[in-house]
Amino acid sequence: MGTALGISGPALRRCRFRRSWRSTLCGVAEAPMTGRRGVNAFLDFLTGELAPMVEARFGLSAQRRSLFGHSLGGLFVLRTVLNRPSAFAAYAAASPSLWFDDRALLRARDAARLPQAVRLMIAVGALEQSPAQAARPGEDGIGERAMVANARVVADCLRDPAGAGPDIRVHVFEDENHASVVPVALGRALPFLLAHPRAAR
């Protein structure tokens, strides 16, 4: 059994979090003020204020916190994994906008070394990438908005080549687009996020 908490509107405005702010999501070349008032402030709010309040009120364990996000929210999930992997016990990124900010997170992925305990699921709809996009690879062999290829590339880079590292899974859902994939991805993510770490592998 788990408790789900959705966040939107006032919680985001409180942190002055905006979709249009460049570089704040990926953590690459952040301006000091923008970094403090953008995604870092939002993550601090989640982990330092909101989560402890909810856990205290409902008697929940901080060791079982999980994070799910879609689109730019999915990018936020991946950024959190890269920068604060111990902030949550498990992560799920649905259709992460890896193209954002000229694919800054994709460029930063190679420097990431995730702890073995990290559990991450990445989900994307097969219809989010057309055959034409796959046939026109860009830098690093991936197209700018090639959602499926980008998801697979970042997952492969974060995995331990020896197979002993973090638990990272990728699901591509046939016949789903950027909008319709949300409930499908959430349905697949919930058992993964709520599973005991040992049982999840």
N, C-alpha and C. Protein backbone atom coordinates (compact mmCIF):
# COMPACT_ATOMS: atom_id res chain seq x y z
N MET A 1 0.85 -1.19 0.00
CA MET A 1 0.00 0.00 0.00
C MET A 1 0.89 1.25 0.00
N GLY A 2 0.50 2.25 -0.76
CA GLY A 2 1.28 3.47 -0.84
C GLY A 2 0.39 4.70 -0.82
N THR A 3 1.01 5.85 -0.68
CA THR A 3 0.31 7.13 -0.70
C THR A 3 0.87 7.97 -1.83
N ALA A 4 0.00 8.45 -2.71
CA ALA A 4 0.43 9.25 -3.86
C ALA A 4 0.08 10.72 -3.61
N LEU A 5 0.99 11.58 -3.99
CA LEU A 5 0.79 13.02 -3.83
C LEU A 5 1.10 13.71 -5.15
N GLY A 6 0.10 14.39 -5.71
CA GLY A 6 0.30 15.14 -6.94
C GLY A 6 0.61 16.60 -6.64
N ILE A 7 1.51 17.18 -7.42
CA ILE A 7 1.96 18.54 -7.15
C ILE A 7 1.80 19.38 -8.41
N SER A 8 1.17 20.54 -8.28
CA SER A 8 1.02 21.46 -9.41
C SER A 8 0.65 22.83 -8.86
N GLY A 9 0.51 23.77 -9.76
CA GLY A 9 -0.01 25.09 -9.41
C GLY A 9 0.77 25.82 -8.34
N PRO A 10 0.14 26.11 -7.19
CA PRO A 10 0.78 26.94 -6.16
C PRO A 10 2.13 26.41 -5.69
N ALA A 11 2.29 25.09 -5.63
CA ALA A 11 3.57 24.53 -5.18
C ALA A 11 4.68 24.92 -6.14
N LEU A 12 4.37 24.93 -7.43
CA LEU A 12 5.38 25.31 -8.41
C LEU A 12 5.61 26.81 -8.39
N ARG A 13 4.54 27.59 -8.26
CA ARG A 13 4.69 29.05 -8.23
C ARG A 13 5.48 29.49 -7.01
N ARG A 14 5.33 28.77 -5.92
CA ARG A 14 6.06 29.12 -4.71
C ARG A 14 7.56 29.09 -4.95
N CYS A 15 8.01 28.18 -5.78
CA CYS A 15 9.45 28.06 -6.06
C CYS A 15 9.85 28.85 -7.30
N ARG A 16 8.90 29.60 -7.87
CA ARG A 16 9.16 30.36 -9.09
C ARG A 16 9.71 29.46 -10.19
N PHE A 17 9.08 28.30 -10.32
CA PHE A 17 9.50 27.31 -11.30
C PHE A 17 8.72 27.54 -12.59
N ARG A 18 9.41 27.71 -13.69
CA ARG A 18 8.75 28.00 -14.96
C ARG A 18 9.30 27.10 -16.06
N ARG A 19 8.40 26.69 -16.96
CA ARG A 19 8.82 25.85 -18.07
C ARG A 19 9.83 26.56 -18.97
N SER A 20 9.75 27.88 -19.03
CA SER A 20 10.55 28.62 -20.00
C SER A 20 11.97 28.90 -19.53
N TRP A 21 12.29 28.58 -18.29
CA TRP A 21 13.63 28.90 -17.78
C TRP A 21 14.64 27.93 -18.36
N ARG A 22 15.57 28.46 -19.13
CA ARG A 22 16.58 27.62 -19.75
C ARG A 22 17.64 27.21 -18.74
N SER A 23 18.18 26.03 -18.91
CA SER A 23 19.32 25.51 -18.15
C SER A 23 19.01 25.11 -16.72
N THR A 24 17.85 25.49 -16.17
CA THR A 24 17.61 25.18 -14.77
C THR A 24 17.27 23.71 -14.57
N LEU A 25 16.67 23.06 -15.56
CA LEU A 25 16.29 21.67 -15.39
C LEU A 25 17.50 20.74 -15.48
N CYS A 26 18.42 21.05 -16.35
CA CYS A 26 19.50 20.11 -16.60
C CYS A 26 20.70 20.33 -15.71
N GLY A 27 20.78 21.45 -15.05
CA GLY A 27 21.88 21.67 -14.14
C GLY A 27 23.19 21.95 -14.84
N VAL A 28 23.13 22.34 -16.08
CA VAL A 28 24.34 22.64 -16.85
C VAL A 28 24.44 24.15 -17.02
N ALA A 29 25.55 24.74 -16.60
CA ALA A 29 25.79 26.18 -16.74
C ALA A 29 24.66 27.00 -16.14
N GLU A 30 24.23 26.61 -14.95
CA GLU A 30 23.15 27.35 -14.31
C GLU A 30 23.65 28.71 -13.83
N ALA A 31 22.86 29.74 -14.05
CA ALA A 31 23.13 31.02 -13.41
C ALA A 31 22.81 30.88 -11.93
N PRO A 32 23.63 31.45 -11.04
CA PRO A 32 23.41 31.24 -9.61
C PRO A 32 22.00 31.56 -9.15
N MET A 33 21.47 32.71 -9.54
CA MET A 33 20.15 33.08 -9.07
C MET A 33 19.09 32.16 -9.66
N THR A 34 19.20 31.87 -10.96
CA THR A 34 18.21 31.00 -11.60
C THR A 34 18.25 29.62 -10.99
N GLY A 35 19.46 29.11 -10.73
CA GLY A 35 19.57 27.79 -10.15
C GLY A 35 18.92 27.70 -8.78
N ARG A 36 19.12 28.72 -7.96
CA ARG A 36 18.56 28.70 -6.61
C ARG A 36 17.05 28.83 -6.63
N ARG A 37 16.52 29.62 -7.56
CA ARG A 37 15.09 29.89 -7.56
C ARG A 37 14.33 28.93 -8.46
N GLY A 38 15.00 28.11 -9.19
CA GLY A 38 14.34 27.22 -10.12
C GLY A 38 14.21 25.81 -9.60
N VAL A 39 14.78 24.88 -10.34
CA VAL A 39 14.58 23.47 -10.04
C VAL A 39 15.20 23.06 -8.72
N ASN A 40 16.31 23.66 -8.32
CA ASN A 40 16.92 23.30 -7.05
C ASN A 40 16.01 23.68 -5.88
N ALA A 41 15.39 24.85 -5.97
CA ALA A 41 14.45 25.26 -4.93
C ALA A 41 13.25 24.32 -4.88
N PHE A 42 12.79 23.89 -6.04
CA PHE A 42 11.65 22.97 -6.08
C PHE A 42 12.00 21.64 -5.43
N LEU A 43 13.19 21.11 -5.73
CA LEU A 43 13.62 19.86 -5.13
C LEU A 43 13.81 20.01 -3.62
N ASP A 44 14.38 21.13 -3.21
CA ASP A 44 14.53 21.39 -1.77
C ASP A 44 13.16 21.43 -1.09
N PHE A 45 12.18 22.04 -1.77
CA PHE A 45 10.82 22.09 -1.23
C PHE A 45 10.24 20.69 -1.09
N LEU A 46 10.43 19.86 -2.11
CA LEU A 46 9.89 18.50 -2.07
C LEU A 46 10.50 17.69 -0.93
N THR A 47 11.82 17.70 -0.85
CA THR A 47 12.51 16.83 0.10
C THR A 47 12.63 17.42 1.50
N GLY A 48 12.67 18.75 1.59
CA GLY A 48 12.89 19.37 2.89
C GLY A 48 11.66 19.86 3.60
N GLU A 49 10.57 20.09 2.84
CA GLU A 49 9.35 20.62 3.45
C GLU A 49 8.14 19.70 3.23
N LEU A 50 7.80 19.47 1.97
CA LEU A 50 6.57 18.76 1.67
C LEU A 50 6.61 17.31 2.11
N ALA A 51 7.64 16.57 1.70
CA ALA A 51 7.71 15.15 2.05
C ALA A 51 7.74 14.92 3.56
N PRO A 52 8.58 15.63 4.33
CA PRO A 52 8.55 15.42 5.78
C PRO A 52 7.19 15.73 6.42
N MET A 53 6.50 16.75 5.91
CA MET A 53 5.19 17.09 6.44
C MET A 53 4.19 15.96 6.19
N VAL A 54 4.17 15.45 4.95
CA VAL A 54 3.24 14.37 4.60
C VAL A 54 3.58 13.11 5.36
N GLU A 55 4.86 12.80 5.47
CA GLU A 55 5.29 11.59 6.19
C GLU A 55 4.91 11.65 7.66
N ALA A 56 5.07 12.83 8.27
CA ALA A 56 4.71 12.97 9.68
C ALA A 56 3.21 12.86 9.89
N ARG A 57 2.45 13.40 8.97
CA ARG A 57 0.99 13.39 9.13
C ARG A 57 0.39 12.00 8.94
N PHE A 58 0.94 11.25 7.99
CA PHE A 58 0.35 9.94 7.67
C PHE A 58 1.20 8.76 8.13
N GLY A 59 2.26 9.02 8.88
CA GLY A 59 3.09 7.94 9.40
C GLY A 59 3.82 7.16 8.33
N LEU A 60 4.36 7.85 7.33
CA LEU A 60 5.05 7.20 6.21
C LEU A 60 6.56 7.18 6.45
N SER A 61 7.22 6.28 5.74
CA SER A 61 8.67 6.14 5.88
C SER A 61 9.40 6.98 4.84
N ALA A 62 10.35 7.77 5.30
CA ALA A 62 11.15 8.57 4.37
C ALA A 62 12.01 7.69 3.48
N GLN A 63 12.28 6.47 3.91
CA GLN A 63 13.12 5.56 3.12
C GLN A 63 12.37 4.95 1.94
N ARG A 64 11.06 5.21 1.84
CA ARG A 64 10.27 4.64 0.74
C ARG A 64 9.77 5.72 -0.21
N ARG A 65 10.31 6.92 -0.14
CA ARG A 65 9.89 7.99 -1.06
C ARG A 65 10.19 7.61 -2.49
N SER A 66 9.27 7.93 -3.40
CA SER A 66 9.48 7.70 -4.82
C SER A 66 9.07 8.95 -5.59
N LEU A 67 9.59 9.09 -6.80
CA LEU A 67 9.32 10.28 -7.61
C LEU A 67 8.93 9.86 -9.02
N PHE A 68 7.79 10.39 -9.50
CA PHE A 68 7.30 10.13 -10.86
C PHE A 68 7.09 11.47 -11.55
N GLY A 69 7.49 11.57 -12.81
CA GLY A 69 7.25 12.78 -13.57
C GLY A 69 7.09 12.48 -15.05
N HIS A 70 6.35 13.34 -15.74
CA HIS A 70 6.10 13.17 -17.18
C HIS A 70 6.56 14.40 -17.94
N SER A 71 7.15 14.20 -19.11
CA SER A 71 7.59 15.26 -20.00
C SER A 71 8.71 16.08 -19.33
N LEU A 72 8.50 17.38 -19.12
CA LEU A 72 9.52 18.13 -18.37
C LEU A 72 9.61 17.64 -16.93
N GLY A 73 8.51 17.11 -16.41
CA GLY A 73 8.57 16.47 -15.10
C GLY A 73 9.44 15.23 -15.14
N GLY A 74 9.41 14.51 -16.26
CA GLY A 74 10.30 13.35 -16.42
C GLY A 74 11.76 13.77 -16.49
N LEU A 75 12.01 14.90 -17.12
CA LEU A 75 13.37 15.43 -17.15
C LEU A 75 13.82 15.81 -15.75
N PHE A 76 12.91 16.38 -14.97
CA PHE A 76 13.21 16.71 -13.58
C PHE A 76 13.57 15.45 -12.79
N VAL A 77 12.86 14.36 -13.04
CA VAL A 77 13.18 13.09 -12.38
C VAL A 77 14.61 12.67 -12.70
N LEU A 78 14.98 12.71 -13.98
CA LEU A 78 16.33 12.29 -14.37
C LEU A 78 17.39 13.22 -13.82
N ARG A 79 17.10 14.51 -13.79
CA ARG A 79 18.05 15.45 -13.22
C ARG A 79 18.28 15.16 -11.75
N THR A 80 17.20 14.82 -11.04
CA THR A 80 17.32 14.49 -9.63
C THR A 80 18.15 13.23 -9.43
N VAL A 81 17.93 12.24 -10.29
CA VAL A 81 18.73 11.00 -10.21
C VAL A 81 20.22 11.32 -10.37
N LEU A 82 20.55 12.20 -11.31
CA LEU A 82 21.95 12.50 -11.58
C LEU A 82 22.59 13.33 -10.47
N ASN A 83 21.81 14.25 -9.89
CA ASN A 83 22.39 15.20 -8.95
C ASN A 83 22.19 14.83 -7.49
N ARG A 84 21.05 14.21 -7.18
CA ARG A 84 20.78 13.81 -5.79
C ARG A 84 20.16 12.42 -5.78
N PRO A 85 20.92 11.41 -6.17
CA PRO A 85 20.35 10.06 -6.33
C PRO A 85 19.75 9.48 -5.06
N SER A 86 20.20 9.93 -3.89
CA SER A 86 19.68 9.38 -2.64
C SER A 86 18.46 10.13 -2.13
N ALA A 87 17.97 11.11 -2.88
CA ALA A 87 16.81 11.89 -2.42
C ALA A 87 15.54 11.05 -2.36
N PHE A 88 15.44 10.05 -3.25
CA PHE A 88 14.27 9.17 -3.29
C PHE A 88 14.74 7.73 -3.41
N ALA A 89 13.87 6.81 -3.00
CA ALA A 89 14.22 5.40 -3.06
C ALA A 89 14.07 4.83 -4.46
N ALA A 90 13.17 5.41 -5.26
CA ALA A 90 12.94 4.92 -6.61
C ALA A 90 12.43 6.07 -7.47
N TYR A 91 12.67 5.94 -8.78
CA TYR A 91 12.33 7.01 -9.72
C TYR A 91 11.65 6.42 -10.96
N ALA A 92 10.72 7.19 -11.52
CA ALA A 92 10.10 6.83 -12.80
C ALA A 92 9.95 8.08 -13.65
N ALA A 93 10.53 8.07 -14.83
CA ALA A 93 10.47 9.20 -15.76
C ALA A 93 9.69 8.77 -16.99
N ALA A 94 8.55 9.39 -17.22
CA ALA A 94 7.73 9.09 -18.39
C ALA A 94 7.95 10.15 -19.46
N SER A 95 8.30 9.73 -20.64
CA SER A 95 8.52 10.63 -21.78
C SER A 95 9.39 11.83 -21.40
N PRO A 96 10.55 11.61 -20.80
CA PRO A 96 11.37 12.75 -20.37
C PRO A 96 11.79 13.61 -21.56
N SER A 97 11.71 14.91 -21.40
CA SER A 97 12.02 15.86 -22.48
C SER A 97 13.53 16.05 -22.59
N LEU A 98 14.22 15.01 -23.01
CA LEU A 98 15.67 15.03 -23.07
C LEU A 98 16.20 15.98 -24.14
N TRP A 99 15.34 16.43 -25.03
CA TRP A 99 15.73 17.40 -26.06
C TRP A 99 15.87 18.81 -25.48
N PHE A 100 15.31 19.04 -24.28
CA PHE A 100 15.24 20.38 -23.71
C PHE A 100 16.64 20.96 -23.49
N ASP A 101 16.75 22.28 -23.69
CA ASP A 101 18.00 23.01 -23.48
C ASP A 101 19.13 22.41 -24.31
N ASP A 102 18.82 22.14 -25.58
CA ASP A 102 19.81 21.59 -26.51
C ASP A 102 20.40 20.28 -25.98
N ARG A 103 19.55 19.45 -25.37
CA ARG A 103 19.92 18.12 -24.88
C ARG A 103 21.05 18.17 -23.85
N ALA A 104 20.97 19.16 -22.98
CA ALA A 104 22.04 19.35 -21.99
C ALA A 104 22.19 18.14 -21.07
N LEU A 105 21.07 17.54 -20.67
CA LEU A 105 21.20 16.40 -19.76
C LEU A 105 21.85 15.21 -20.47
N LEU A 106 21.56 15.04 -21.74
CA LEU A 106 22.20 13.96 -22.48
C LEU A 106 23.71 14.18 -22.56
N ARG A 107 24.12 15.44 -22.66
CA ARG A 107 25.56 15.71 -22.71
C ARG A 107 26.22 15.50 -21.36
N ALA A 108 25.44 15.67 -20.29
CA ALA A 108 26.01 15.55 -18.95
C ALA A 108 25.98 14.12 -18.43
N ARG A 109 25.32 13.23 -19.13
CA ARG A 109 25.08 11.88 -18.60
C ARG A 109 26.36 11.08 -18.40
N ASP A 110 27.37 11.31 -19.26
CA ASP A 110 28.57 10.48 -19.22
C ASP A 110 29.35 10.64 -17.92
N ALA A 111 29.19 11.80 -17.26
CA ALA A 111 29.93 12.04 -16.02
C ALA A 111 29.24 11.41 -14.82
N ALA A 112 28.03 10.89 -15.01
CA ALA A 112 27.25 10.37 -13.88
C ALA A 112 27.71 8.97 -13.51
N ARG A 113 27.87 8.75 -12.22
CA ARG A 113 28.16 7.43 -11.68
C ARG A 113 27.16 7.19 -10.56
N LEU A 114 26.12 6.43 -10.85
CA LEU A 114 25.03 6.27 -9.91
C LEU A 114 25.33 5.19 -8.89
N PRO A 115 24.88 5.39 -7.65
CA PRO A 115 25.02 4.35 -6.64
C PRO A 115 24.26 3.09 -7.04
N GLN A 116 24.72 1.97 -6.56
CA GLN A 116 24.10 0.70 -6.91
C GLN A 116 22.65 0.63 -6.46
N ALA A 117 22.31 1.35 -5.39
CA ALA A 117 20.96 1.26 -4.83
C ALA A 117 19.91 1.99 -5.67
N VAL A 118 20.32 2.78 -6.65
CA VAL A 118 19.36 3.55 -7.44
C VAL A 118 18.46 2.63 -8.24
N ARG A 119 17.16 2.94 -8.23
CA ARG A 119 16.17 2.22 -9.04
C ARG A 119 15.45 3.23 -9.91
N LEU A 120 15.55 3.04 -11.23
CA LEU A 120 15.00 4.02 -12.18
C LEU A 120 14.27 3.31 -13.30
N MET A 121 13.06 3.77 -13.58
CA MET A 121 12.30 3.29 -14.73
C MET A 121 12.07 4.46 -15.68
N ILE A 122 12.32 4.24 -16.96
CA ILE A 122 12.06 5.24 -18.00
C ILE A 122 11.02 4.66 -18.95
N ALA A 123 9.96 5.40 -19.20
CA ALA A 123 8.89 4.94 -20.07
C ALA A 123 8.67 5.96 -21.18
N VAL A 124 8.30 5.47 -22.36
CA VAL A 124 8.06 6.35 -23.49
C VAL A 124 7.09 5.66 -24.44
N GLY A 125 6.30 6.46 -25.14
CA GLY A 125 5.38 5.90 -26.13
C GLY A 125 6.07 5.70 -27.47
N ALA A 126 5.80 4.60 -28.12
CA ALA A 126 6.44 4.32 -29.41
C ALA A 126 6.09 5.37 -30.46
N LEU A 127 4.91 5.97 -30.35
CA LEU A 127 4.49 6.97 -31.33
C LEU A 127 5.12 8.33 -31.11
N GLU A 128 5.93 8.47 -30.07
CA GLU A 128 6.60 9.74 -29.81
C GLU A 128 7.81 9.95 -30.71
N GLN A 129 8.19 8.93 -31.43
CA GLN A 129 9.31 9.05 -32.37
C GLN A 129 8.92 8.42 -33.69
N SER A 130 8.99 9.20 -34.74
CA SER A 130 8.63 8.68 -36.06
C SER A 130 9.81 7.99 -36.71
N PRO A 131 9.58 7.11 -37.68
CA PRO A 131 10.69 6.50 -38.40
C PRO A 131 11.61 7.52 -39.04
N ALA A 132 11.04 8.66 -39.47
CA ALA A 132 11.85 9.71 -40.08
C ALA A 132 12.84 10.29 -39.08
N GLN A 133 12.42 10.44 -37.82
CA GLN A 133 13.33 10.94 -36.80
C GLN A 133 14.47 9.97 -36.57
N ALA A 134 14.16 8.70 -36.51
CA ALA A 134 15.20 7.69 -36.29
C ALA A 134 16.18 7.64 -37.45
N ALA A 135 15.70 8.01 -38.65
CA ALA A 135 16.56 7.95 -39.83
C ALA A 135 17.44 9.18 -39.97
N ARG A 136 17.22 10.21 -39.13
CA ARG A 136 18.02 11.44 -39.20
C ARG A 136 18.75 11.66 -37.88
N PRO A 137 19.73 10.85 -37.59
CA PRO A 137 20.44 11.01 -36.32
C PRO A 137 21.19 12.33 -36.25
N GLY A 138 21.22 12.89 -35.06
CA GLY A 138 21.97 14.12 -34.85
C GLY A 138 23.27 13.85 -34.15
N GLU A 139 23.72 14.81 -33.37
CA GLU A 139 24.93 14.65 -32.59
C GLU A 139 24.76 13.47 -31.63
N ASP A 140 25.84 12.70 -31.42
CA ASP A 140 25.81 11.50 -30.59
C ASP A 140 24.93 10.42 -31.20
N GLY A 141 24.52 10.57 -32.47
CA GLY A 141 23.73 9.54 -33.11
C GLY A 141 22.26 9.55 -32.77
N ILE A 142 21.77 10.61 -32.14
CA ILE A 142 20.37 10.68 -31.77
C ILE A 142 19.74 11.96 -32.29
N GLY A 143 18.50 11.87 -32.74
CA GLY A 143 17.80 13.04 -33.22
C GLY A 143 17.36 13.93 -32.08
N GLU A 144 17.10 15.20 -32.38
CA GLU A 144 16.80 16.17 -31.32
C GLU A 144 15.61 15.74 -30.47
N ARG A 145 14.49 15.37 -31.12
CA ARG A 145 13.32 14.96 -30.35
C ARG A 145 13.00 13.49 -30.60
N ALA A 146 14.01 12.70 -30.79
CA ALA A 146 13.83 11.25 -30.95
C ALA A 146 13.64 10.65 -29.56
N MET A 147 12.40 10.69 -29.08
CA MET A 147 12.12 10.39 -27.68
C MET A 147 12.52 8.97 -27.29
N VAL A 148 12.24 8.01 -28.16
CA VAL A 148 12.54 6.61 -27.83
C VAL A 148 14.05 6.40 -27.80
N ALA A 149 14.74 6.87 -28.84
CA ALA A 149 16.19 6.69 -28.90
C ALA A 149 16.88 7.43 -27.76
N ASN A 150 16.43 8.64 -27.46
CA ASN A 150 17.04 9.39 -26.36
C ASN A 150 16.88 8.67 -25.03
N ALA A 151 15.70 8.10 -24.80
CA ALA A 151 15.47 7.38 -23.55
C ALA A 151 16.40 6.18 -23.44
N ARG A 152 16.55 5.47 -24.53
CA ARG A 152 17.43 4.29 -24.50
C ARG A 152 18.89 4.67 -24.32
N VAL A 153 19.29 5.76 -24.95
CA VAL A 153 20.68 6.19 -24.83
C VAL A 153 21.02 6.58 -23.40
N VAL A 154 20.17 7.37 -22.77
CA VAL A 154 20.47 7.81 -21.40
C VAL A 154 20.44 6.62 -20.45
N ALA A 155 19.54 5.67 -20.67
CA ALA A 155 19.50 4.48 -19.81
C ALA A 155 20.77 3.65 -19.97
N ASP A 156 21.20 3.46 -21.21
CA ASP A 156 22.41 2.68 -21.44
C ASP A 156 23.63 3.32 -20.80
N CYS A 157 23.69 4.65 -20.85
CA CYS A 157 24.84 5.35 -20.28
C CYS A 157 24.85 5.29 -18.76
N LEU A 158 23.68 5.20 -18.15
CA LEU A 158 23.62 5.18 -16.69
C LEU A 158 23.77 3.78 -16.12
N ARG A 159 23.63 2.77 -16.95
CA ARG A 159 23.78 1.40 -16.48
C ARG A 159 25.26 1.06 -16.24
N ASP A 160 25.48 0.14 -15.33
CA ASP A 160 26.82 -0.38 -15.09
C ASP A 160 27.11 -1.44 -16.15
N PRO A 161 28.17 -1.27 -16.94
CA PRO A 161 28.47 -2.26 -17.99
C PRO A 161 28.62 -3.68 -17.44
N ALA A 162 29.04 -3.79 -16.19
CA ALA A 162 29.23 -5.11 -15.59
C ALA A 162 27.92 -5.71 -15.09
N GLY A 163 26.85 -4.92 -15.12
CA GLY A 163 25.55 -5.42 -14.69
C GLY A 163 25.34 -5.44 -13.21
N ALA A 164 26.26 -4.87 -12.44
CA ALA A 164 26.15 -4.91 -10.98
C ALA A 164 25.71 -3.57 -10.40
N GLY A 165 25.37 -2.63 -11.25
CA GLY A 165 25.06 -1.28 -10.79
C GLY A 165 23.59 -1.07 -10.52
N PRO A 166 23.12 0.14 -10.74
CA PRO A 166 21.72 0.49 -10.44
C PRO A 166 20.72 -0.29 -11.30
N ASP A 167 19.51 -0.39 -10.80
CA ASP A 167 18.43 -1.09 -11.49
C ASP A 167 17.74 -0.08 -12.41
N ILE A 168 18.03 -0.14 -13.70
CA ILE A 168 17.49 0.81 -14.66
C ILE A 168 16.71 0.05 -15.73
N ARG A 169 15.48 0.42 -15.92
CA ARG A 169 14.61 -0.27 -16.88
C ARG A 169 13.99 0.74 -17.85
N VAL A 170 13.81 0.30 -19.08
CA VAL A 170 13.17 1.12 -20.11
C VAL A 170 11.98 0.37 -20.68
N HIS A 171 10.85 1.05 -20.77
CA HIS A 171 9.64 0.46 -21.35
C HIS A 171 9.17 1.36 -22.49
N VAL A 172 9.00 0.77 -23.67
CA VAL A 172 8.45 1.47 -24.83
C VAL A 172 7.06 0.89 -25.08
N PHE A 173 6.05 1.73 -24.96
CA PHE A 173 4.67 1.27 -25.07
C PHE A 173 4.15 1.52 -26.49
N GLU A 174 3.81 0.44 -27.17
CA GLU A 174 3.29 0.54 -28.52
C GLU A 174 1.95 1.28 -28.56
N ASP A 175 1.73 1.98 -29.65
CA ASP A 175 0.45 2.68 -29.91
C ASP A 175 0.16 3.79 -28.91
N GLU A 176 1.18 4.28 -28.20
CA GLU A 176 0.98 5.37 -27.25
C GLU A 176 1.79 6.59 -27.68
N ASN A 177 1.19 7.77 -27.52
CA ASN A 177 1.87 9.01 -27.85
C ASN A 177 2.24 9.76 -26.57
N HIS A 178 2.65 11.01 -26.70
CA HIS A 178 3.16 11.75 -25.55
C HIS A 178 2.09 11.96 -24.48
N ALA A 179 0.84 12.04 -24.88
CA ALA A 179 -0.24 12.23 -23.91
C ALA A 179 -0.81 10.91 -23.42
N SER A 180 -1.07 9.99 -24.34
CA SER A 180 -1.74 8.75 -23.95
C SER A 180 -0.84 7.81 -23.16
N VAL A 181 0.46 8.04 -23.20
CA VAL A 181 1.37 7.15 -22.49
C VAL A 181 1.32 7.36 -20.97
N VAL A 182 0.79 8.49 -20.52
CA VAL A 182 0.85 8.82 -19.09
C VAL A 182 0.16 7.76 -18.22
N PRO A 183 -1.12 7.43 -18.45
CA PRO A 183 -1.73 6.43 -17.56
C PRO A 183 -1.10 5.05 -17.70
N VAL A 184 -0.65 4.71 -18.90
CA VAL A 184 0.00 3.42 -19.11
C VAL A 184 1.32 3.36 -18.35
N ALA A 185 2.09 4.41 -18.47
CA ALA A 185 3.37 4.47 -17.77
C ALA A 185 3.18 4.46 -16.26
N LEU A 186 2.19 5.20 -15.79
CA LEU A 186 1.93 5.24 -14.36
C LEU A 186 1.52 3.87 -13.84
N GLY A 187 0.69 3.17 -14.62
CA GLY A 187 0.29 1.82 -14.22
C GLY A 187 1.46 0.87 -14.11
N ARG A 188 2.42 1.00 -15.01
CA ARG A 188 3.62 0.16 -14.95
C ARG A 188 4.57 0.62 -13.85
N ALA A 189 4.60 1.93 -13.61
CA ALA A 189 5.56 2.48 -12.65
C ALA A 189 5.18 2.17 -11.20
N LEU A 190 3.90 2.17 -10.89
CA LEU A 190 3.50 2.02 -9.49
C LEU A 190 4.04 0.75 -8.83
N PRO A 191 3.90 -0.43 -9.45
CA PRO A 191 4.48 -1.62 -8.81
C PRO A 191 5.99 -1.52 -8.64
N PHE A 192 6.65 -0.90 -9.62
CA PHE A 192 8.11 -0.74 -9.53
C PHE A 192 8.48 0.21 -8.40
N LEU A 193 7.78 1.33 -8.30
CA LEU A 193 8.09 2.33 -7.28
C LEU A 193 7.79 1.82 -5.87
N LEU A 194 6.75 1.02 -5.74
CA LEU A 194 6.30 0.58 -4.42
C LEU A 194 6.95 -0.73 -3.97
N ALA A 195 7.64 -1.39 -4.87
CA ALA A 195 8.25 -2.68 -4.53
C ALA A 195 9.39 -2.50 -3.56
N HIS A 196 9.62 -3.51 -2.76
CA HIS A 196 10.81 -3.52 -1.92
C HIS A 196 12.02 -3.56 -2.84
N PRO A 197 13.09 -2.84 -2.54
CA PRO A 197 14.27 -2.80 -3.42
C PRO A 197 14.75 -4.16 -3.88
N ARG A 198 14.79 -5.14 -2.99
CA ARG A 198 15.27 -6.48 -3.38
C ARG A 198 14.30 -7.17 -4.32
N ALA A 199 13.01 -6.97 -4.09
CA ALA A 199 12.00 -7.62 -4.92
C ALA A 199 11.91 -6.98 -6.29
N ALA A 200 12.33 -5.71 -6.41
CA ALA A 200 12.20 -4.98 -7.67
C ALA A 200 13.17 -5.48 -8.72
N ARG A 201 14.26 -6.08 -8.33
CA ARG A 201 15.26 -6.51 -9.31
C ARG A 201 14.85 -7.80 -9.99
